[in-house]
Protein backbone atom coordinates (compact mmCIF):
# COMPACT_ATOMS: atom_id res chain seq x y z
CA MET A 1 22.58 11.75 -3.58
CA TYR A 2 20.55 10.11 -7.29
CA THR A 3 21.68 6.02 -5.87
CA LEU A 4 20.81 7.73 -2.60
CA ALA A 5 17.27 8.24 -4.25
CA VAL A 6 16.99 4.96 -5.82
CA THR A 7 18.42 2.32 -3.30
CA LEU A 8 15.25 3.94 -1.26
CA LEU A 9 12.54 3.86 -4.65
CA VAL A 10 13.02 -0.33 -4.46
CA ILE A 11 13.21 -0.16 -0.88
CA VAL A 12 10.07 1.96 -0.51
CA SER A 13 8.16 -0.31 -4.29
CA ILE A 14 8.78 -3.68 -2.59
CA ALA A 15 7.58 -2.36 1.31
CA LEU A 16 4.50 -1.04 -0.94
CA ILE A 17 3.91 -4.47 -2.92
CA VAL A 18 3.96 -6.54 0.66
CA VAL A 19 1.52 -4.31 3.06
CA VAL A 20 -0.63 -4.10 -0.13
CA LEU A 21 -0.73 -8.00 -0.02
CA LEU A 22 -1.32 -8.19 3.54
CA GLN A 23 -4.29 -6.67 2.56
CA SER A 24 -7.31 -8.25 3.30
CA GLY A 25 -9.79 -7.60 0.06
CA LYS A 26 -13.49 -6.65 0.01
CA SER A 27 -15.03 -9.92 -0.50
CA ALA A 28 -13.01 -12.89 0.49
CA GLY A 29 -13.69 -15.32 -2.30
CA LEU A 30 -17.54 -16.92 -2.48
CA SER A 31 -18.05 -17.05 0.82
CA GLY A 32 -17.70 -13.18 1.04
CA ALA A 33 -19.89 -12.93 -2.04
CA ILE A 34 -23.09 -15.28 -0.29
CA SER A 35 -22.21 -13.71 3.08
CA GLY A 36 -21.04 -9.88 1.91
CA GLY A 37 -24.80 -8.95 2.52
CA ALA A 38 -25.25 -9.82 6.33
CA GLU A 39 -21.14 -8.76 6.71
CA GLN A 40 -22.23 -5.39 5.69
CA LEU A 41 -26.32 -5.48 7.61
CA PHE A 42 -24.31 -6.36 10.75
CA GLY A 43 -21.51 -5.04 10.38
CA LYS A 44 -17.76 -7.34 10.02
CA GLN A 45 -15.25 -6.49 13.51
CA LYS A 46 -12.76 -9.06 12.69
CA ALA A 47 -9.36 -8.01 12.92
CA ARG A 48 -10.73 -4.05 12.30
CA GLY A 49 -7.62 -2.61 13.69
CA ILE A 50 -4.56 -4.76 11.79
CA ASP A 51 -6.59 -3.55 8.05
CA LEU A 52 -6.20 0.06 9.52
CA ILE A 53 -3.15 -0.09 10.28
CA LEU A 54 -2.55 -1.43 6.91
CA HIS A 55 -4.37 0.91 5.28
CA ARG A 56 -2.65 4.54 6.58
CA VAL A 57 1.04 2.13 5.53
CA THR A 58 -0.37 1.84 2.82
CA ILE A 59 -1.22 6.15 2.28
CA VAL A 60 2.51 6.87 3.89
CA LEU A 61 4.54 4.20 1.61
CA SER A 62 2.46 5.46 -1.60
CA VAL A 63 3.22 9.10 -0.61
CA LEU A 64 7.28 8.67 0.23
CA PHE A 65 6.82 6.63 -3.31
CA PHE A 66 5.63 9.39 -5.40
CA VAL A 67 7.87 11.97 -3.71
CA LEU A 68 10.73 9.51 -4.65
CA THR A 69 9.34 9.03 -8.31
CA ILE A 70 10.01 12.49 -8.43
CA ALA A 71 13.49 12.73 -6.84
CA VAL A 72 14.74 10.14 -9.20
CA THR A 73 13.46 12.12 -12.17
CA PHE A 74 14.98 15.51 -10.62
CA PHE A 75 18.39 13.78 -10.43
CA SER A 76 18.22 11.97 -13.16
CA ASP A 77 17.34 15.77 -15.13
CA LYS A 78 20.76 16.88 -13.09
CA LEU A 79 23.27 13.95 -14.02
CA SER A 80 22.61 14.22 -18.08
């Protein structure tokens, strides 16, 4: 059970890193700093659907990460 939990933890960790890196930042570099106020005033609709999906996947993966971390700690205490 410990080996399964550690394996799942590694997979979830890598997936969480990839999903976080795929998300766009609040301001996309220098152009975001210059036009950031206008985007908030008029609304930014570019790729809103994919950002919402990535946000939800990040939440699910982060909850799985914490649950698996606690499980690995629990199982490692049982082994020793």
